[in-house]
Amino acid sequence: MRAMLVLLALAWFCEGCAMTAASLAVSPRLAPVEQRAPVLLVHGIGDDASAFDALRGRLEQEGWPHVHAISLVPNNGSEGIPALARQVAREAEALRARTGARRVDVVGFSMGALVSRYWVQLLGGRLVVRRFISISGPHAGTGLAFLGRGKGVTQMRPGSRLLRALQQDPRPWGATEVHSFWTPWDLTILPASSSRLPGASERRFPVLLHPWMLTDRRVHDAVVDVLGSPAVAR
């Protein structure tokens, strides 16, 4: 029985690899550099801007001229999600001012994905965000939040008032194109399916640990694919 479970897990893993490869194989070629929006990267709890070093380097290697990672303060979950979202809003406005861009793209990881979502939905971010990629965000909460303290941690508990307010928004995204990347193997977002985001295009990755989603090449390929795709008229 144990051997059979191992074989089934390997088969699922390989199937996931094939699905990811197939989704990337049919992607359109990247848009010219001048058509790519500036990118703002928003990290998770306990991290800072350096968490995105690998992804930022990949985007710069692919020709993105403007990639900026924010360091949220504080980063330990003691501050509430709305206050952190206001930091993201200020960074986005500063990025737009520096580059002269009308809209920006946003990639949020873990708690940073939830912070970015709050900004997009409830603080006017959808007016200036072209594409939003959530990577392993606790959009329906995570059971691990019951083990921690702090305003932000409490707001990441399943069924929290903040999560209910986000879920009840009838038109959350406006013209913003939204994508959800997640792994069914996640042991930080519990259950892992909490990373699914209503109304988002979805991609699953067979990545074994939550933090590895920021360093996995397949995830990087998908970020490049989404952010570099030619804009679709809306």
C-alpha atoms as a PDB file:
ATOM      1  CA  MET A   1       0.000   0.000   0.000  1.00  0.00           C
ATOM      2  CA  ARG A   2       2.793   2.391   0.885  1.00  0.00           C
ATOM      3  CA  ALA A   3       4.547   1.727  -2.416  1.00  0.00           C
ATOM      4  CA  MET A   4       1.295   2.336  -4.283  1.00  0.00           C
ATOM      5  CA  LEU A   5       0.818   5.703  -2.561  1.00  0.00           C
ATOM      6  CA  VAL A   6       4.345   6.717  -3.519  1.00  0.00           C
ATOM      7  CA  LEU A   7       3.709   5.740  -7.147  1.00  0.00           C
ATOM      8  CA  LEU A   8       0.441   7.678  -7.188  1.00  0.00           C
ATOM      9  CA  ALA A   9       2.176  10.749  -5.769  1.00  0.00           C
ATOM     10  CA  LEU A  10       4.902  10.511  -8.408  1.00  0.00           C
ATOM     11  CA  ALA A  11       2.315  10.122 -11.142  1.00  0.00           C
ATOM     12  CA  TRP A  12       0.451  13.215  -9.931  1.00  0.00           C
ATOM     13  CA  PHE A  13       3.730  15.151  -9.715  1.00  0.00           C
ATOM     14  CA  CYS A  14       4.641  14.254 -13.302  1.00  0.00           C
ATOM     15  CA  GLU A  15       1.134  15.088 -14.477  1.00  0.00           C
ATOM     16  CA  GLY A  16       1.452  18.494 -12.831  1.00  0.00           C
ATOM     17  CA  CYS A  17       4.759  19.078 -14.595  1.00  0.00           C
ATOM     18  CA  ALA A  18       3.170  18.168 -17.920  1.00  0.00           C
ATOM     19  CA  MET A  19       0.213  20.475 -17.300  1.00  0.00           C
ATOM     20  CA  THR A  20       2.505  23.368 -16.427  1.00  0.00           C
ATOM     21  CA  ALA A  21       4.702  22.768 -19.456  1.00  0.00           C
ATOM     22  CA  ALA A  22       1.686  22.551 -21.726  1.00  0.00           C
ATOM     23  CA  SER A  23       0.216  25.802 -20.396  1.00  0.00           C
ATOM     24  CA  LEU A  24       3.490  27.592 -21.043  1.00  0.00           C
ATOM     25  CA  ALA A  25       4.023  26.041 -24.470  1.00  0.00           C
ATOM     26  CA  VAL A  26       0.913  27.682 -25.913  1.00  0.00           C
ATOM     27  CA  SER A  27       1.670  31.120 -24.440  1.00  0.00           C
ATOM     28  CA  PRO A  28       1.994  34.063 -26.814  1.00  0.00           C
ATOM     29  CA  ARG A  29       5.429  35.582 -27.316  1.00  0.00           C
ATOM     30  CA  LEU A  30       6.408  38.364 -24.954  1.00  0.00           C
ATOM     31  CA  ALA A  31       5.307  41.893 -25.655  1.00  0.00           C
ATOM     32  CA  PRO A  32       7.998  44.432 -26.585  1.00  0.00           C
ATOM     33  CA  VAL A  33       9.820  45.877 -23.580  1.00  0.00           C
ATOM     34  CA  GLU A  34       8.263  49.301 -24.043  1.00  0.00           C
ATOM     35  CA  GLN A  35       4.795  47.760 -23.637  1.00  0.00           C
ATOM     36  CA  ARG A  36       5.551  46.107 -20.298  1.00  0.00           C
ATOM     37  CA  ALA A  37       4.255  47.738 -17.141  1.00  0.00           C
ATOM     38  CA  PRO A  38       6.476  48.449 -14.128  1.00  0.00           C
ATOM     39  CA  VAL A  39       6.306  45.582 -11.622  1.00  0.00           C
ATOM     40  CA  LEU A  40       5.776  45.896  -7.860  1.00  0.00           C
ATOM     41  CA  LEU A  41       6.654  42.850  -5.723  1.00  0.00           C
ATOM     42  CA  VAL A  42       5.030  42.404  -2.282  1.00  0.00           C
ATOM     43  CA  HIS A  43       6.544  39.874   0.143  1.00  0.00           C
ATOM     44  CA  GLY A  44       5.002  37.691   2.842  1.00  0.00           C
ATOM     45  CA  ILE A  45       5.136  37.579   6.635  1.00  0.00           C
ATOM     46  CA  GLY A  46       8.624  37.514   8.128  1.00  0.00           C
ATOM     47  CA  ASP A  47      10.248  38.458   4.810  1.00  0.00           C
ATOM     48  CA  ASP A  48      11.455  41.661   3.206  1.00  0.00           C
ATOM     49  CA  ALA A  49      12.212  42.830  -0.325  1.00  0.00           C
ATOM     50  CA  SER A  50      15.119  40.378  -0.612  1.00  0.00           C
ATOM     51  CA  ALA A  51      12.654  37.472  -0.743  1.00  0.00           C
ATOM     52  CA  PHE A  52      12.100  38.441  -4.378  1.00  0.00           C
ATOM     53  CA  ASP A  53      15.764  38.602  -5.378  1.00  0.00           C
ATOM     54  CA  ALA A  54      15.535  35.544  -7.639  1.00  0.00           C
ATOM     55  CA  LEU A  55      12.292  36.592  -9.358  1.00  0.00           C
ATOM     56  CA  ARG A  56      13.391  40.200  -9.696  1.00  0.00           C
ATOM     57  CA  GLY A  57      16.646  39.036 -11.284  1.00  0.00           C
ATOM     58  CA  ARG A  58      14.730  36.839 -13.722  1.00  0.00           C
ATOM     59  CA  LEU A  59      12.442  39.685 -14.786  1.00  0.00           C
ATOM     60  CA  GLU A  60      15.388  42.031 -15.265  1.00  0.00           C
ATOM     61  CA  GLN A  61      17.176  39.352 -17.263  1.00  0.00           C
ATOM     62  CA  GLU A  62      14.094  39.088 -19.494  1.00  0.00           C
ATOM     63  CA  GLY A  63      14.248  42.822 -20.179  1.00  0.00           C
ATOM     64  CA  TRP A  64      11.894  44.434 -17.656  1.00  0.00           C
ATOM     65  CA  PRO A  65      13.230  47.962 -17.088  1.00  0.00           C
ATOM     66  CA  HIS A  66      11.328  48.696 -13.861  1.00  0.00           C
ATOM     67  CA  VAL A  67      10.991  46.071 -11.112  1.00  0.00           C
ATOM     68  CA  HIS A  68      10.640  47.182  -7.494  1.00  0.00           C
ATOM     69  CA  ALA A  69      10.224  45.095  -4.320  1.00  0.00           C
ATOM     70  CA  ILE A  70       8.722  46.719  -1.242  1.00  0.00           C
ATOM     71  CA  SER A  71       9.738  45.965   2.366  1.00  0.00           C
ATOM     72  CA  LEU A  72       6.612  46.114   4.544  1.00  0.00           C
ATOM     73  CA  VAL A  73       7.006  47.530   8.066  1.00  0.00           C
ATOM     74  CA  PRO A  74       6.415  45.756  10.355  1.00  0.00           C
ATOM     75  CA  ASN A  75       6.738  42.395   8.625  1.00  0.00           C
ATOM     76  CA  ASN A  76       5.716  40.116  11.501  1.00  0.00           C
ATOM     77  CA  GLY A  77       1.935  40.224  11.235  1.00  0.00           C
ATOM     78  CA  SER A  78       1.492  42.607  14.176  1.00  0.00           C
ATOM     79  CA  GLU A  79       0.055  45.333  11.923  1.00  0.00           C
ATOM     80  CA  GLY A  80      -3.272  44.928  10.172  1.00  0.00           C
ATOM     81  CA  ILE A  81      -3.697  44.088   6.494  1.00  0.00           C
ATOM     82  CA  PRO A  82      -5.323  47.475   5.633  1.00  0.00           C
ATOM     83  CA  ALA A  83      -2.380  49.459   7.044  1.00  0.00           C
ATOM     84  CA  LEU A  84       0.081  47.336   5.065  1.00  0.00           C
ATOM     85  CA  ALA A  85      -2.090  47.771   1.964  1.00  0.00           C
ATOM     86  CA  ARG A  86      -1.730  51.529   2.311  1.00  0.00           C
ATOM     87  CA  GLN A  87       2.053  51.080   2.219  1.00  0.00           C
ATOM     88  CA  VAL A  88       1.664  49.170  -1.042  1.00  0.00           C
ATOM     89  CA  ALA A  89      -0.561  51.934  -2.415  1.00  0.00           C
ATOM     90  CA  ARG A  90       2.110  54.552  -1.661  1.00  0.00           C
ATOM     91  CA  GLU A  91       4.850  52.460  -3.244  1.00  0.00           C
ATOM     92  CA  ALA A  92       2.741  51.930  -6.349  1.00  0.00           C
ATOM     93  CA  GLU A  93       2.132  55.673  -6.699  1.00  0.00           C
ATOM     94  CA  ALA A  94       5.851  56.353  -6.270  1.00  0.00           C
ATOM     95  CA  LEU A  95       6.638  53.742  -8.922  1.00  0.00           C
ATOM     96  CA  ARG A  96       4.157  55.290 -11.339  1.00  0.00           C
ATOM     97  CA  ALA A  97       5.615  58.753 -10.680  1.00  0.00           C
ATOM     98  CA  ARG A  98       9.188  57.569 -11.315  1.00  0.00           C
ATOM     99  CA  THR A  99       8.368  55.740 -14.520  1.00  0.00           C
ATOM    100  CA  GLY A 100       5.534  57.846 -15.923  1.00  0.00           C
ATOM    101  CA  ALA A 101       3.420  54.683 -16.275  1.00  0.00           C
ATOM    102  CA  ARG A 102      -0.349  54.860 -16.072  1.00  0.00           C
ATOM    103  CA  ARG A 103      -0.682  51.346 -14.639  1.00  0.00           C
ATOM    104  CA  VAL A 104       1.545  48.844 -12.834  1.00  0.00           C
ATOM    105  CA  ASP A 105       1.659  45.070 -12.456  1.00  0.00           C
ATOM    106  CA  VAL A 106       1.708  43.574  -8.945  1.00  0.00           C
ATOM    107  CA  VAL A 107       3.003  40.206  -7.731  1.00  0.00           C
ATOM    108  CA  GLY A 108       2.181  39.318  -4.122  1.00  0.00           C
ATOM    109  CA  PHE A 109       3.406  36.298  -2.191  1.00  0.00           C
ATOM    110  CA  SER A 110       1.714  34.714   0.838  1.00  0.00           C
ATOM    111  CA  MET A 111       0.507  37.481   3.198  1.00  0.00           C
ATOM    112  CA  GLY A 112       1.719  39.976   0.581  1.00  0.00           C
ATOM    113  CA  ALA A 113      -0.815  38.543  -1.858  1.00  0.00           C
ATOM    114  CA  LEU A 114      -3.619  39.204   0.618  1.00  0.00           C
ATOM    115  CA  VAL A 115      -2.294  42.708   1.318  1.00  0.00           C
ATOM    116  CA  SER A 116      -2.171  43.396  -2.431  1.00  0.00           C
ATOM    117  CA  ARG A 117      -5.660  42.009  -2.881  1.00  0.00           C
ATOM    118  CA  TYR A 118      -7.004  44.333  -0.172  1.00  0.00           C
ATOM    119  CA  TRP A 119      -5.428  47.308  -1.910  1.00  0.00           C
ATOM    120  CA  VAL A 120      -6.750  46.269  -5.330  1.00  0.00           C
ATOM    121  CA  GLN A 121     -10.284  45.595  -4.108  1.00  0.00           C
ATOM    122  CA  LEU A 122     -10.937  48.136  -1.397  1.00  0.00           C
ATOM    123  CA  LEU A 123      -8.381  50.965  -1.664  1.00  0.00           C
ATOM    124  CA  GLY A 124      -8.659  51.817  -5.348  1.00  0.00           C
ATOM    125  CA  GLY A 125      -5.777  49.700  -6.587  1.00  0.00           C
ATOM    126  CA  ARG A 126      -7.865  48.238  -9.382  1.00  0.00           C
ATOM    127  CA  LEU A 127      -7.817  51.652 -11.042  1.00  0.00           C
ATOM    128  CA  VAL A 128      -4.030  51.538 -11.476  1.00  0.00           C
ATOM    129  CA  VAL A 129      -3.181  47.805 -11.519  1.00  0.00           C
ATOM    130  CA  ARG A 130      -3.033  46.190 -14.933  1.00  0.00           C
ATOM    131  CA  ARG A 131      -2.221  42.616 -13.828  1.00  0.00           C
ATOM    132  CA  PHE A 132      -2.171  41.096 -10.344  1.00  0.00           C
ATOM    133  CA  ILE A 133      -0.508  37.741  -9.671  1.00  0.00           C
ATOM    134  CA  SER A 134      -1.185  36.110  -6.316  1.00  0.00           C
ATOM    135  CA  ILE A 135       1.358  33.444  -5.345  1.00  0.00           C
ATOM    136  CA  SER A 136       0.202  31.163  -2.511  1.00  0.00           C
ATOM    137  CA  GLY A 137      -1.909  33.804  -0.800  1.00  0.00           C
ATOM    138  CA  PRO A 138      -4.200  32.917   2.165  1.00  0.00           C
ATOM    139  CA  HIS A 139      -7.334  34.221   0.457  1.00  0.00           C
ATOM    140  CA  ALA A 140      -9.658  31.971   2.448  1.00  0.00           C
ATOM    141  CA  GLY A 141      -7.348  32.112   5.459  1.00  0.00           C
ATOM    142  CA  THR A 142      -4.941  29.567   6.891  1.00  0.00           C
ATOM    143  CA  GLY A 143      -5.307  27.338   9.939  1.00  0.00           C
ATOM    144  CA  LEU A 144      -1.765  28.233  10.991  1.00  0.00           C
ATOM    145  CA  ALA A 145      -2.965  31.748  11.833  1.00  0.00           C
ATOM    146  CA  PHE A 146      -4.730  30.338  14.896  1.00  0.00           C
ATOM    147  CA  LEU A 147      -1.288  29.608  16.343  1.00  0.00           C
ATOM    148  CA  GLY A 148      -0.019  33.201  16.058  1.00  0.00           C
ATOM    149  CA  ARG A 149      -0.699  36.643  17.445  1.00  0.00           C
ATOM    150  CA  GLY A 150      -0.998  40.080  15.941  1.00  0.00           C
ATOM    151  CA  LYS A 151      -3.678  42.031  14.116  1.00  0.00           C
ATOM    152  CA  GLY A 152      -2.555  40.889  10.679  1.00  0.00           C
ATOM    153  CA  VAL A 153      -2.218  37.262  11.750  1.00  0.00           C
ATOM    154  CA  THR A 154      -5.722  37.325  13.229  1.00  0.00           C
ATOM    155  CA  GLN A 155      -7.086  38.713   9.974  1.00  0.00           C
ATOM    156  CA  MET A 156      -5.624  35.708   8.128  1.00  0.00           C
ATOM    157  CA  ARG A 157      -7.699  33.259  10.170  1.00  0.00           C
ATOM    158  CA  PRO A 158     -10.442  31.498   8.160  1.00  0.00           C
ATOM    159  CA  GLY A 159     -13.734  33.352   8.486  1.00  0.00           C
ATOM    160  CA  SER A 160     -12.219  36.601   9.774  1.00  0.00           C
ATOM    161  CA  ARG A 161     -14.183  39.821   9.298  1.00  0.00           C
ATOM    162  CA  LEU A 162     -11.597  41.091   6.810  1.00  0.00           C
ATOM    163  CA  LEU A 163     -11.740  37.945   4.677  1.00  0.00           C
ATOM    164  CA  ARG A 164     -15.532  38.031   4.674  1.00  0.00           C
ATOM    165  CA  ALA A 165     -15.499  41.658   3.499  1.00  0.00           C
ATOM    166  CA  LEU A 166     -13.199  40.750   0.600  1.00  0.00           C
ATOM    167  CA  GLN A 167     -15.288  37.725  -0.353  1.00  0.00           C
ATOM    168  CA  GLN A 168     -18.551  39.691  -0.346  1.00  0.00           C
ATOM    169  CA  ASP A 169     -17.333  42.293  -2.842  1.00  0.00           C
ATOM    170  CA  PRO A 170     -19.554  41.658  -5.921  1.00  0.00           C
ATOM    171  CA  ARG A 171     -17.164  43.309  -8.423  1.00  0.00           C
ATOM    172  CA  PRO A 172     -13.707  42.961  -6.909  1.00  0.00           C
ATOM    173  CA  TRP A 173     -11.350  43.472  -9.828  1.00  0.00           C
ATOM    174  CA  GLY A 174     -12.650  46.095 -12.244  1.00  0.00           C
ATOM    175  CA  ALA A 175     -10.390  46.091 -15.316  1.00  0.00           C
ATOM    176  CA  THR A 176      -7.530  44.368 -13.449  1.00  0.00           C
ATOM    177  CA  GLU A 177      -6.463  40.998 -14.848  1.00  0.00           C
ATOM    178  CA  VAL A 178      -6.024  38.578 -11.928  1.00  0.00           C
ATOM    179  CA  HIS A 179      -4.046  35.328 -11.682  1.00  0.00           C
ATOM    180  CA  SER A 180      -3.693  32.820  -8.855  1.00  0.00           C
ATOM    181  CA  PHE A 181      -0.616  30.572  -8.605  1.00  0.00           C
ATOM    182  CA  TRP A 182      -0.631  27.911  -5.877  1.00  0.00           C
ATOM    183  CA  THR A 183       0.611  24.475  -4.896  1.00  0.00           C
ATOM    184  CA  PRO A 184      -1.567  21.664  -3.514  1.00  0.00           C
ATOM    185  CA  TRP A 185       1.459  20.616  -1.420  1.00  0.00           C
ATOM    186  CA  ASP A 186       1.416  23.817   0.656  1.00  0.00           C
ATOM    187  CA  LEU A 187       1.907  23.229   4.401  1.00  0.00           C
ATOM    188  CA  THR A 188       1.712  26.925   5.351  1.00  0.00           C
ATOM    189  CA  ILE A 189      -1.606  27.796   3.705  1.00  0.00           C
ATOM    190  CA  LEU A 190      -3.959  25.269   5.301  1.00  0.00           C
ATOM    191  CA  PRO A 191      -5.845  24.015   3.481  1.00  0.00           C
ATOM    192  CA  ALA A 192      -3.739  24.653   0.382  1.00  0.00           C
ATOM    193  CA  SER A 193      -6.891  25.347  -1.638  1.00  0.00           C
ATOM    194  CA  SER A 194      -7.300  28.579   0.365  1.00  0.00           C
ATOM    195  CA  SER A 195      -4.855  30.068  -2.137  1.00  0.00           C
ATOM    196  CA  ARG A 196      -7.467  29.841  -4.862  1.00  0.00           C
ATOM    197  CA  LEU A 197      -8.842  33.261  -5.743  1.00  0.00           C
ATOM    198  CA  PRO A 198     -12.407  33.725  -7.046  1.00  0.00           C
ATOM    199  CA  GLY A 199     -12.476  35.286 -10.483  1.00  0.00           C
ATOM    200  CA  ALA A 200      -8.783  34.641 -11.156  1.00  0.00           C
ATOM    201  CA  SER A 201      -7.093  32.622 -13.875  1.00  0.00           C
ATOM    202  CA  GLU A 202      -5.471  29.741 -12.034  1.00  0.00           C
ATOM    203  CA  ARG A 203      -2.260  27.734 -12.342  1.00  0.00           C
ATOM    204  CA  ARG A 204      -1.189  24.905 -10.024  1.00  0.00           C
ATOM    205  CA  PHE A 205       2.423  23.928  -9.511  1.00  0.00           C
ATOM    206  CA  PRO A 206       3.804  20.694  -8.005  1.00  0.00           C
ATOM    207  CA  VAL A 207       6.060  22.580  -5.576  1.00  0.00           C
ATOM    208  CA  LEU A 208       6.687  20.796  -2.292  1.00  0.00           C
ATOM    209  CA  LEU A 209       7.037  23.711   0.149  1.00  0.00           C
ATOM    210  CA  HIS A 210       5.401  27.134   0.491  1.00  0.00           C
ATOM    211  CA  PRO A 211       8.600  29.261   0.329  1.00  0.00           C
ATOM    212  CA  TRP A 212       9.853  27.359  -2.722  1.00  0.00           C
ATOM    213  CA  MET A 213       7.104  28.981  -4.778  1.00  0.00           C
ATOM    214  CA  LEU A 214       9.313  32.085  -4.892  1.00  0.00           C
ATOM    215  CA  THR A 215      12.347  30.255  -6.253  1.00  0.00           C
ATOM    216  CA  ASP A 216      10.848  27.558  -8.488  1.00  0.00           C
ATOM    217  CA  ARG A 217      11.777  28.050 -12.138  1.00  0.00           C
ATOM    218  CA  ARG A 218       8.338  26.939 -13.337  1.00  0.00           C
ATOM    219  CA  VAL A 219       6.709  29.674 -11.258  1.00  0.00           C
ATOM    220  CA  HIS A 220       9.189  32.229 -12.617  1.00  0.00           C
ATOM    221  CA  ASP A 221       8.415  31.070 -16.158  1.00  0.00           C
ATOM    222  CA  ALA A 222       4.707  31.562 -15.496  1.00  0.00           C
ATOM    223  CA  VAL A 223       5.211  35.054 -14.051  1.00  0.00           C
ATOM    224  CA  VAL A 224       7.210  36.051 -17.134  1.00  0.00           C
ATOM    225  CA  ASP A 225       4.535  34.509 -19.335  1.00  0.00           C
ATOM    226  CA  VAL A 226       1.666  36.387 -17.671  1.00  0.00           C
ATOM    227  CA  LEU A 227       3.315  39.771 -17.204  1.00  0.00           C
ATOM    228  CA  GLY A 228       4.939  39.674 -20.625  1.00  0.00           C
ATOM    229  CA  SER A 229       1.852  38.692 -22.590  1.00  0.00           C
ATOM    230  CA  PRO A 230       0.603  41.351 -25.034  1.00  0.00           C
ATOM    231  CA  ALA A 231      -2.201  43.438 -23.579  1.00  0.00           C
ATOM    232  CA  VAL A 232      -5.739  42.493 -24.552  1.00  0.00           C
ATOM    233  CA  ALA A 233      -8.130  45.332 -25.345  1.00  0.00           C
ATOM    234  CA  ARG A 234     -10.871  45.688 -22.758  1.00  0.00           C
END
